[in-house]
């Protein structure tokens, strides 16, 4: 069982996945970094392996399927779940894991949206949806194993974010 597992679901993230893996390996040298590829057609798998991640696959399309598979397969005392798009500051990860491992928090939630995210992301309606979700659930989360196993994930796609 890993002490800390960094879980990175991926679909066509060849441009950023290597940097994300390297950043989290640098920020949490004791962590095991897993990239779960979801049928990428680019060089995501190669870039993740080059950066030092353990790469696994989920062939059923959809982020919900990937997240479900990650928590089924990876055993750890503490999980960090991040996207591969380099919008999460790895520099905050050590503080978050400390809350779980040392102070026994069930879940720690971080905030990726209050810095430059809204300026960089220009997809129509995306920012308003993220503002709404930010009020309900922040996306960078650090969980203990028991909390993750007990969650009954129902969604197969990106709407799993609201369940988490």
N, C-alpha and C. Protein backbone atom coordinates (compact mmCIF):
# COMPACT_ATOMS: atom_id res chain seq x y z
N UNK A 1 0.84 -1.18 0.00
CA UNK A 1 0.00 0.00 0.00
C UNK A 1 0.89 1.24 0.00
N UNK A 2 0.55 2.17 -0.88
CA UNK A 2 1.28 3.44 -0.93
C UNK A 2 0.89 4.31 0.25
N UNK A 3 1.83 5.13 0.71
CA UNK A 3 1.47 6.13 1.71
C UNK A 3 0.63 7.22 1.02
N UNK A 4 1.15 7.73 -0.11
CA UNK A 4 0.45 8.76 -0.88
C UNK A 4 0.41 8.33 -2.33
N UNK A 5 -0.77 8.40 -2.92
CA UNK A 5 -0.93 8.12 -4.35
C UNK A 5 -1.48 9.36 -5.03
N UNK A 6 -0.77 9.81 -6.04
CA UNK A 6 -1.26 10.90 -6.88
C UNK A 6 -1.94 10.25 -8.06
N UNK A 7 -3.22 10.52 -8.24
CA UNK A 7 -4.03 9.90 -9.29
C UNK A 7 -4.36 10.94 -10.35
N UNK A 8 -4.00 10.61 -11.59
CA UNK A 8 -4.18 11.55 -12.69
C UNK A 8 -4.95 10.87 -13.82
N UNK A 9 -6.26 11.12 -13.92
CA UNK A 9 -7.01 10.60 -15.06
C UNK A 9 -6.63 11.39 -16.31
N UNK A 10 -6.50 10.71 -17.46
CA UNK A 10 -6.00 11.38 -18.66
C UNK A 10 -6.74 10.98 -19.91
N UNK A 11 -6.98 11.96 -20.75
CA UNK A 11 -7.46 11.73 -22.10
C UNK A 11 -6.86 12.81 -22.99
N UNK A 12 -5.95 12.41 -23.86
CA UNK A 12 -5.30 13.32 -24.81
C UNK A 12 -4.70 14.56 -24.13
N UNK A 13 -3.76 14.33 -23.23
CA UNK A 13 -3.10 15.42 -22.51
C UNK A 13 -1.59 15.40 -22.72
N UNK A 14 -1.14 15.05 -23.92
CA UNK A 14 0.29 14.93 -24.17
C UNK A 14 1.06 16.22 -23.92
N UNK A 15 0.43 17.35 -24.07
CA UNK A 15 1.13 18.62 -23.91
C UNK A 15 1.48 18.91 -22.45
N UNK A 16 0.62 18.50 -21.52
CA UNK A 16 0.81 18.89 -20.13
C UNK A 16 1.10 17.74 -19.16
N UNK A 17 0.79 16.51 -19.52
CA UNK A 17 0.88 15.41 -18.55
C UNK A 17 2.29 15.20 -18.00
N UNK A 18 3.30 15.35 -18.82
CA UNK A 18 4.68 15.17 -18.34
C UNK A 18 5.04 16.17 -17.26
N UNK A 19 4.68 17.42 -17.47
CA UNK A 19 4.96 18.47 -16.48
C UNK A 19 4.20 18.20 -15.19
N UNK A 20 2.95 17.79 -15.30
CA UNK A 20 2.15 17.51 -14.10
C UNK A 20 2.80 16.38 -13.29
N UNK A 21 3.19 15.32 -13.95
CA UNK A 21 3.84 14.19 -13.26
C UNK A 21 5.12 14.66 -12.59
N UNK A 22 5.96 15.37 -13.32
CA UNK A 22 7.24 15.85 -12.75
C UNK A 22 7.00 16.77 -11.55
N UNK A 23 6.02 17.68 -11.68
CA UNK A 23 5.73 18.63 -10.59
C UNK A 23 5.31 17.90 -9.31
N UNK A 24 4.44 16.89 -9.44
CA UNK A 24 3.98 16.18 -8.25
C UNK A 24 5.06 15.25 -7.70
N UNK A 25 5.90 14.71 -8.55
CA UNK A 25 7.02 13.89 -8.06
C UNK A 25 8.02 14.76 -7.29
N UNK A 26 8.20 15.98 -7.74
CA UNK A 26 9.10 16.91 -7.06
C UNK A 26 8.47 17.38 -5.73
N UNK A 27 7.18 17.69 -5.74
CA UNK A 27 6.51 18.20 -4.55
C UNK A 27 6.29 17.13 -3.49
N UNK A 28 6.07 15.88 -3.94
CA UNK A 28 5.82 14.76 -3.02
C UNK A 28 6.72 13.58 -3.41
N UNK A 29 8.01 13.66 -3.09
CA UNK A 29 8.93 12.59 -3.53
C UNK A 29 8.58 11.21 -2.98
N UNK A 30 7.85 11.16 -1.87
CA UNK A 30 7.47 9.88 -1.28
C UNK A 30 6.21 9.30 -1.93
N UNK A 31 5.56 10.04 -2.79
CA UNK A 31 4.31 9.60 -3.42
C UNK A 31 4.56 8.72 -4.63
N UNK A 32 3.58 7.89 -4.93
CA UNK A 32 3.56 7.14 -6.18
C UNK A 32 2.59 7.85 -7.11
N UNK A 33 3.04 8.15 -8.31
CA UNK A 33 2.21 8.89 -9.26
C UNK A 33 1.66 7.93 -10.31
N UNK A 34 0.33 7.88 -10.40
CA UNK A 34 -0.36 7.02 -11.35
C UNK A 34 -1.08 7.88 -12.39
N UNK A 35 -0.89 7.53 -13.65
CA UNK A 35 -1.66 8.14 -14.73
C UNK A 35 -2.56 7.05 -15.29
N UNK A 36 -3.84 7.32 -15.33
CA UNK A 36 -4.81 6.38 -15.91
C UNK A 36 -5.27 6.94 -17.24
N UNK A 37 -4.83 6.29 -18.29
CA UNK A 37 -5.17 6.74 -19.64
C UNK A 37 -6.54 6.20 -20.04
N UNK A 38 -7.33 7.06 -20.69
CA UNK A 38 -8.69 6.71 -21.08
C UNK A 38 -8.82 6.76 -22.61
N UNK A 39 -8.02 5.91 -23.27
CA UNK A 39 -8.06 5.76 -24.74
C UNK A 39 -7.52 6.97 -25.49
N UNK A 40 -6.47 7.55 -24.98
CA UNK A 40 -5.85 8.69 -25.68
C UNK A 40 -5.35 8.27 -27.05
N UNK A 41 -5.44 9.18 -27.99
CA UNK A 41 -4.96 8.93 -29.35
C UNK A 41 -3.68 9.71 -29.65
N UNK A 42 -3.19 10.44 -28.67
CA UNK A 42 -1.96 11.20 -28.85
C UNK A 42 -0.83 10.50 -28.07
N UNK A 43 0.17 11.23 -27.65
CA UNK A 43 1.32 10.64 -26.96
C UNK A 43 1.24 10.77 -25.44
N UNK A 44 0.04 10.82 -24.90
CA UNK A 44 -0.14 10.95 -23.46
C UNK A 44 0.59 9.85 -22.70
N UNK A 45 0.42 8.61 -23.11
CA UNK A 45 1.03 7.47 -22.41
C UNK A 45 2.54 7.59 -22.41
N UNK A 46 3.12 7.88 -23.56
CA UNK A 46 4.58 7.99 -23.66
C UNK A 46 5.12 9.12 -22.78
N UNK A 47 4.46 10.27 -22.82
CA UNK A 47 4.91 11.43 -22.04
C UNK A 47 4.81 11.14 -20.54
N UNK A 48 3.75 10.47 -20.12
CA UNK A 48 3.59 10.13 -18.70
C UNK A 48 4.67 9.17 -18.25
N UNK A 49 4.96 8.15 -19.06
CA UNK A 49 6.00 7.18 -18.71
C UNK A 49 7.37 7.85 -18.66
N UNK A 50 7.66 8.70 -19.63
CA UNK A 50 8.94 9.42 -19.66
C UNK A 50 9.14 10.26 -18.39
N UNK A 51 8.05 10.80 -17.86
CA UNK A 51 8.13 11.64 -16.67
C UNK A 51 8.20 10.83 -15.38
N UNK A 52 8.01 9.51 -15.47
CA UNK A 52 8.16 8.65 -14.31
C UNK A 52 6.88 8.15 -13.68
N UNK A 53 5.76 8.30 -14.35
CA UNK A 53 4.49 7.82 -13.79
C UNK A 53 4.31 6.33 -14.05
N UNK A 54 3.54 5.70 -13.20
CA UNK A 54 3.03 4.36 -13.46
C UNK A 54 1.78 4.56 -14.31
N UNK A 55 1.75 4.00 -15.49
CA UNK A 55 0.62 4.22 -16.39
C UNK A 55 -0.25 2.97 -16.43
N UNK A 56 -1.53 3.21 -16.22
CA UNK A 56 -2.53 2.15 -16.32
C UNK A 56 -3.63 2.64 -17.26
N UNK A 57 -4.53 1.73 -17.61
CA UNK A 57 -5.56 2.08 -18.60
C UNK A 57 -6.95 1.76 -18.10
N UNK A 58 -7.89 2.59 -18.49
CA UNK A 58 -9.32 2.31 -18.35
C UNK A 58 -9.90 2.47 -19.75
N UNK A 59 -10.42 1.37 -20.28
CA UNK A 59 -10.88 1.37 -21.66
C UNK A 59 -12.34 1.79 -21.82
N UNK A 60 -13.11 1.76 -20.75
CA UNK A 60 -14.46 2.28 -20.83
C UNK A 60 -14.38 3.80 -20.80
N UNK A 61 -14.86 4.44 -21.84
CA UNK A 61 -14.70 5.89 -21.97
C UNK A 61 -15.48 6.62 -20.89
N UNK A 62 -14.89 7.69 -20.39
CA UNK A 62 -15.53 8.57 -19.43
C UNK A 62 -14.74 8.70 -18.14
N UNK A 63 -14.65 9.93 -17.66
CA UNK A 63 -13.87 10.19 -16.45
C UNK A 63 -14.42 9.44 -15.24
N UNK A 64 -15.73 9.28 -15.17
CA UNK A 64 -16.32 8.53 -14.07
C UNK A 64 -15.80 7.10 -14.02
N UNK A 65 -15.68 6.48 -15.19
CA UNK A 65 -15.13 5.12 -15.25
C UNK A 65 -13.67 5.09 -14.80
N UNK A 66 -12.93 6.11 -15.18
CA UNK A 66 -11.52 6.18 -14.82
C UNK A 66 -11.36 6.36 -13.30
N UNK A 67 -12.09 7.28 -12.73
CA UNK A 67 -11.98 7.54 -11.29
C UNK A 67 -12.39 6.29 -10.51
N UNK A 68 -13.45 5.65 -10.92
CA UNK A 68 -13.89 4.41 -10.26
C UNK A 68 -12.78 3.37 -10.30
N UNK A 69 -12.16 3.19 -11.46
CA UNK A 69 -11.08 2.20 -11.63
C UNK A 69 -9.88 2.55 -10.75
N UNK A 70 -9.51 3.82 -10.69
CA UNK A 70 -8.36 4.22 -9.89
C UNK A 70 -8.55 3.83 -8.43
N UNK A 71 -9.71 4.13 -7.88
CA UNK A 71 -9.95 3.84 -6.47
C UNK A 71 -10.13 2.34 -6.22
N UNK A 72 -10.50 1.59 -7.23
CA UNK A 72 -10.58 0.14 -7.08
C UNK A 72 -9.20 -0.50 -7.07
N UNK A 73 -8.28 0.03 -7.86
CA UNK A 73 -6.99 -0.61 -8.06
C UNK A 73 -5.87 -0.11 -7.16
N UNK A 74 -5.90 1.15 -6.80
CA UNK A 74 -4.78 1.73 -6.07
C UNK A 74 -5.11 1.81 -4.58
N UNK A 75 -4.25 1.22 -3.78
CA UNK A 75 -4.40 1.28 -2.32
C UNK A 75 -3.39 2.26 -1.76
N UNK A 76 -3.89 3.21 -0.99
CA UNK A 76 -3.02 4.21 -0.38
C UNK A 76 -3.64 4.73 0.90
N UNK A 77 -2.80 5.29 1.73
CA UNK A 77 -3.30 5.94 2.94
C UNK A 77 -3.90 7.30 2.62
N UNK A 78 -3.41 7.91 1.56
CA UNK A 78 -3.84 9.25 1.18
C UNK A 78 -3.82 9.37 -0.34
N UNK A 79 -4.85 9.96 -0.90
CA UNK A 79 -4.95 10.16 -2.35
C UNK A 79 -4.94 11.65 -2.67
N UNK A 80 -4.28 11.98 -3.77
CA UNK A 80 -4.39 13.30 -4.38
C UNK A 80 -4.94 13.04 -5.78
N UNK A 81 -6.08 13.63 -6.08
CA UNK A 81 -6.71 13.48 -7.39
C UNK A 81 -6.60 14.80 -8.14
N UNK A 82 -5.92 14.77 -9.28
CA UNK A 82 -5.74 15.99 -10.08
C UNK A 82 -5.98 15.68 -11.55
N UNK A 83 -6.30 16.71 -12.30
CA UNK A 83 -6.40 16.56 -13.75
C UNK A 83 -5.01 16.73 -14.35
N UNK A 84 -4.86 16.30 -15.58
CA UNK A 84 -3.56 16.36 -16.25
C UNK A 84 -3.35 17.65 -17.02
N UNK A 85 -4.24 18.61 -16.85
CA UNK A 85 -4.16 19.84 -17.65
C UNK A 85 -3.32 20.94 -17.02
N UNK A 86 -2.60 20.62 -15.96
CA UNK A 86 -1.68 21.55 -15.31
C UNK A 86 -2.38 22.78 -14.73
N UNK A 87 -3.56 22.57 -14.16
CA UNK A 87 -4.26 23.67 -13.51
C UNK A 87 -4.22 23.56 -11.99
N UNK A 88 -3.53 22.57 -11.46
CA UNK A 88 -3.42 22.37 -10.01
C UNK A 88 -2.01 22.66 -9.56
N UNK A 89 -1.83 23.48 -8.54
CA UNK A 89 -0.47 23.77 -8.05
C UNK A 89 0.06 22.62 -7.19
N UNK A 90 1.01 21.89 -7.71
CA UNK A 90 1.61 20.79 -6.96
C UNK A 90 2.29 21.28 -5.69
N UNK A 91 2.67 22.53 -5.68
CA UNK A 91 3.36 23.09 -4.51
C UNK A 91 2.51 23.05 -3.24
N UNK A 92 1.21 22.93 -3.36
CA UNK A 92 0.31 22.89 -2.20
C UNK A 92 0.05 21.46 -1.71
N UNK A 93 0.49 20.47 -2.46
CA UNK A 93 0.14 19.08 -2.17
C UNK A 93 0.67 18.59 -0.81
N UNK A 94 1.87 18.97 -0.43
CA UNK A 94 2.44 18.51 0.84
C UNK A 94 1.60 18.97 2.02
N UNK A 95 1.15 20.21 1.99
CA UNK A 95 0.31 20.73 3.07
C UNK A 95 -1.01 19.95 3.15
N UNK A 96 -1.54 19.61 1.99
CA UNK A 96 -2.81 18.90 1.95
C UNK A 96 -2.68 17.48 2.48
N UNK A 97 -1.63 16.79 2.07
CA UNK A 97 -1.46 15.42 2.54
C UNK A 97 -1.19 15.38 4.05
N UNK A 98 -0.52 16.40 4.56
CA UNK A 98 -0.27 16.47 6.00
C UNK A 98 -1.59 16.50 6.78
N UNK A 99 -2.58 17.19 6.25
CA UNK A 99 -3.88 17.27 6.92
C UNK A 99 -4.53 15.88 7.05
N UNK A 100 -4.30 15.05 6.05
CA UNK A 100 -4.87 13.69 6.08
C UNK A 100 -4.01 12.77 6.93
N UNK A 101 -2.72 12.76 6.69
CA UNK A 101 -1.84 11.78 7.34
C UNK A 101 -1.52 12.12 8.80
N UNK A 102 -1.34 13.38 9.09
CA UNK A 102 -0.95 13.77 10.45
C UNK A 102 -2.16 14.15 11.31
N UNK A 103 -3.10 14.86 10.71
CA UNK A 103 -4.23 15.36 11.50
C UNK A 103 -5.52 14.57 11.26
N UNK A 104 -5.44 13.52 10.45
CA UNK A 104 -6.54 12.57 10.24
C UNK A 104 -7.80 13.18 9.63
N UNK A 105 -7.63 14.17 8.78
CA UNK A 105 -8.79 14.72 8.06
C UNK A 105 -9.28 13.67 7.07
N UNK A 106 -10.57 13.57 6.89
CA UNK A 106 -11.14 12.65 5.91
C UNK A 106 -10.95 13.17 4.50
N UNK A 107 -11.04 14.49 4.33
CA UNK A 107 -10.92 15.08 3.00
C UNK A 107 -10.39 16.50 3.12
N UNK A 108 -9.51 16.86 2.21
CA UNK A 108 -8.99 18.21 2.13
C UNK A 108 -9.28 18.70 0.72
N UNK A 109 -9.84 19.89 0.59
CA UNK A 109 -10.24 20.41 -0.71
C UNK A 109 -9.42 21.66 -1.02
N UNK A 110 -8.85 21.69 -2.22
CA UNK A 110 -8.06 22.84 -2.65
C UNK A 110 -8.81 23.66 -3.68
N UNK A 111 -8.22 24.77 -4.05
CA UNK A 111 -8.85 25.71 -4.98
C UNK A 111 -7.91 26.00 -6.14
N UNK A 112 -8.28 25.54 -7.32
CA UNK A 112 -7.45 25.82 -8.49
C UNK A 112 -7.98 27.01 -9.28
N UNK A 113 -9.14 27.50 -8.93
CA UNK A 113 -9.83 28.44 -9.80
C UNK A 113 -9.62 29.91 -9.46
N UNK A 114 -9.04 30.21 -8.35
CA UNK A 114 -8.99 31.61 -7.96
C UNK A 114 -7.76 32.35 -8.47
N UNK A 115 -6.88 31.68 -9.17
CA UNK A 115 -5.69 32.38 -9.66
C UNK A 115 -5.91 32.85 -11.10
N UNK A 116 -5.35 32.17 -12.08
CA UNK A 116 -5.44 32.63 -13.47
C UNK A 116 -6.38 31.80 -14.31
N UNK A 117 -7.04 30.82 -13.73
CA UNK A 117 -7.84 29.87 -14.51
C UNK A 117 -8.88 30.56 -15.38
N UNK A 118 -9.62 31.52 -14.83
CA UNK A 118 -10.70 32.15 -15.59
C UNK A 118 -10.18 33.00 -16.75
N UNK A 119 -8.96 33.48 -16.64
CA UNK A 119 -8.38 34.27 -17.73
C UNK A 119 -7.88 33.38 -18.86
N UNK A 120 -7.38 32.20 -18.49
CA UNK A 120 -6.79 31.29 -19.47
C UNK A 120 -7.85 30.49 -20.21
N UNK A 121 -8.88 30.03 -19.51
CA UNK A 121 -9.89 29.18 -20.12
C UNK A 121 -10.93 30.04 -20.82
N UNK A 122 -11.03 29.91 -22.13
CA UNK A 122 -11.93 30.75 -22.92
C UNK A 122 -13.10 29.98 -23.53
N UNK A 123 -13.33 28.73 -23.13
CA UNK A 123 -14.44 27.98 -23.70
C UNK A 123 -15.77 28.59 -23.26
N UNK A 124 -16.70 28.68 -24.18
CA UNK A 124 -17.99 29.29 -23.93
C UNK A 124 -18.73 28.58 -22.79
N UNK A 125 -19.26 29.32 -21.85
CA UNK A 125 -20.03 28.85 -20.70
C UNK A 125 -19.22 28.04 -19.69
N UNK A 126 -17.98 27.71 -20.01
CA UNK A 126 -17.18 26.87 -19.12
C UNK A 126 -16.91 27.56 -17.79
N UNK A 127 -16.53 28.82 -17.84
CA UNK A 127 -16.21 29.52 -16.60
C UNK A 127 -17.42 29.68 -15.69
N UNK A 128 -18.60 29.93 -16.26
CA UNK A 128 -19.77 30.05 -15.40
C UNK A 128 -20.10 28.72 -14.73
N UNK A 129 -19.93 27.63 -15.45
CA UNK A 129 -20.14 26.31 -14.85
C UNK A 129 -19.14 26.04 -13.76
N UNK A 130 -17.90 26.43 -13.99
CA UNK A 130 -16.87 26.23 -12.96
C UNK A 130 -17.12 27.11 -11.75
N UNK A 131 -17.60 28.32 -11.96
CA UNK A 131 -17.92 29.17 -10.80
C UNK A 131 -18.99 28.51 -9.94
N UNK A 132 -19.99 27.95 -10.59
CA UNK A 132 -21.06 27.27 -9.85
C UNK A 132 -20.49 26.07 -9.08
N UNK A 133 -19.71 25.24 -9.76
CA UNK A 133 -19.17 24.04 -9.11
C UNK A 133 -18.20 24.41 -7.99
N UNK A 134 -17.50 25.50 -8.16
CA UNK A 134 -16.56 25.92 -7.13
C UNK A 134 -17.27 26.19 -5.81
N UNK A 135 -18.46 26.68 -5.90
CA UNK A 135 -19.23 26.92 -4.68
C UNK A 135 -19.59 25.60 -4.00
N UNK A 136 -19.78 24.56 -4.77
CA UNK A 136 -20.19 23.27 -4.21
C UNK A 136 -19.01 22.38 -3.86
N UNK A 137 -18.10 22.20 -4.81
CA UNK A 137 -17.00 21.26 -4.60
C UNK A 137 -15.76 21.79 -5.30
N UNK A 138 -14.64 21.89 -4.60
CA UNK A 138 -13.39 22.26 -5.23
C UNK A 138 -12.76 20.99 -5.80
N UNK A 139 -12.04 21.10 -6.90
CA UNK A 139 -11.61 19.91 -7.62
C UNK A 139 -10.33 19.25 -7.12
N UNK A 140 -9.42 19.98 -6.54
CA UNK A 140 -8.21 19.33 -6.03
C UNK A 140 -8.53 18.79 -4.66
N UNK A 141 -8.50 17.49 -4.53
CA UNK A 141 -8.89 16.90 -3.26
C UNK A 141 -7.90 15.84 -2.82
N UNK A 142 -7.81 15.68 -1.56
CA UNK A 142 -6.89 14.74 -0.95
C UNK A 142 -7.72 13.90 0.01
N UNK A 143 -7.83 12.62 -0.25
CA UNK A 143 -8.71 11.76 0.53
C UNK A 143 -7.94 10.62 1.18
N UNK A 144 -8.52 10.11 2.26
CA UNK A 144 -8.00 8.86 2.80
C UNK A 144 -8.73 7.71 2.11
N UNK A 145 -8.18 6.51 2.20
CA UNK A 145 -8.73 5.36 1.46
C UNK A 145 -10.16 5.04 1.87
N UNK A 146 -10.47 5.08 3.13
CA UNK A 146 -11.81 4.72 3.59
C UNK A 146 -12.85 5.65 2.97
N UNK A 147 -12.58 6.93 2.94
CA UNK A 147 -13.53 7.88 2.35
C UNK A 147 -13.80 7.55 0.89
N UNK A 148 -12.78 7.17 0.15
CA UNK A 148 -12.93 6.89 -1.28
C UNK A 148 -13.68 5.59 -1.53
N UNK A 149 -13.38 4.58 -0.76
CA UNK A 149 -14.02 3.29 -0.96
C UNK A 149 -15.51 3.37 -0.66
N UNK A 150 -15.89 4.20 0.30
CA UNK A 150 -17.29 4.29 0.70
C UNK A 150 -18.13 5.12 -0.25
N UNK A 151 -17.51 5.84 -1.18
CA UNK A 151 -18.28 6.67 -2.10
C UNK A 151 -18.92 5.84 -3.20
N UNK A 152 -20.24 5.89 -3.36
CA UNK A 152 -20.91 5.13 -4.42
C UNK A 152 -20.96 5.95 -5.72
N UNK A 153 -19.91 5.90 -6.51
CA UNK A 153 -19.88 6.65 -7.75
C UNK A 153 -20.91 6.10 -8.72
N UNK A 154 -21.74 6.97 -9.27
CA UNK A 154 -22.79 6.54 -10.19
C UNK A 154 -22.53 7.00 -11.62
N UNK A 155 -21.79 8.06 -11.79
CA UNK A 155 -21.60 8.65 -13.11
C UNK A 155 -20.43 8.03 -13.84
N UNK A 156 -20.52 7.99 -15.17
CA UNK A 156 -19.45 7.45 -15.99
C UNK A 156 -18.67 8.55 -16.70
N UNK A 157 -19.15 9.79 -16.65
CA UNK A 157 -18.52 10.86 -17.42
C UNK A 157 -17.99 11.93 -16.48
N UNK A 158 -17.79 13.13 -17.01
CA UNK A 158 -17.21 14.22 -16.20
C UNK A 158 -18.14 14.71 -15.12
N UNK A 159 -19.40 14.35 -15.14
CA UNK A 159 -20.29 14.77 -14.07
C UNK A 159 -19.96 14.09 -12.75
N UNK A 160 -19.02 13.17 -12.78
CA UNK A 160 -18.55 12.56 -11.53
C UNK A 160 -17.95 13.62 -10.61
N UNK A 161 -17.51 14.74 -11.19
CA UNK A 161 -16.94 15.82 -10.38
C UNK A 161 -17.92 16.27 -9.30
N UNK A 162 -19.20 16.38 -9.63
CA UNK A 162 -20.17 16.82 -8.63
C UNK A 162 -20.39 15.76 -7.57
N UNK A 163 -20.23 14.48 -7.91
CA UNK A 163 -20.37 13.43 -6.90
C UNK A 163 -19.22 13.46 -5.91
N UNK A 164 -18.03 13.74 -6.42
CA UNK A 164 -16.86 13.79 -5.54
C UNK A 164 -16.97 14.97 -4.62
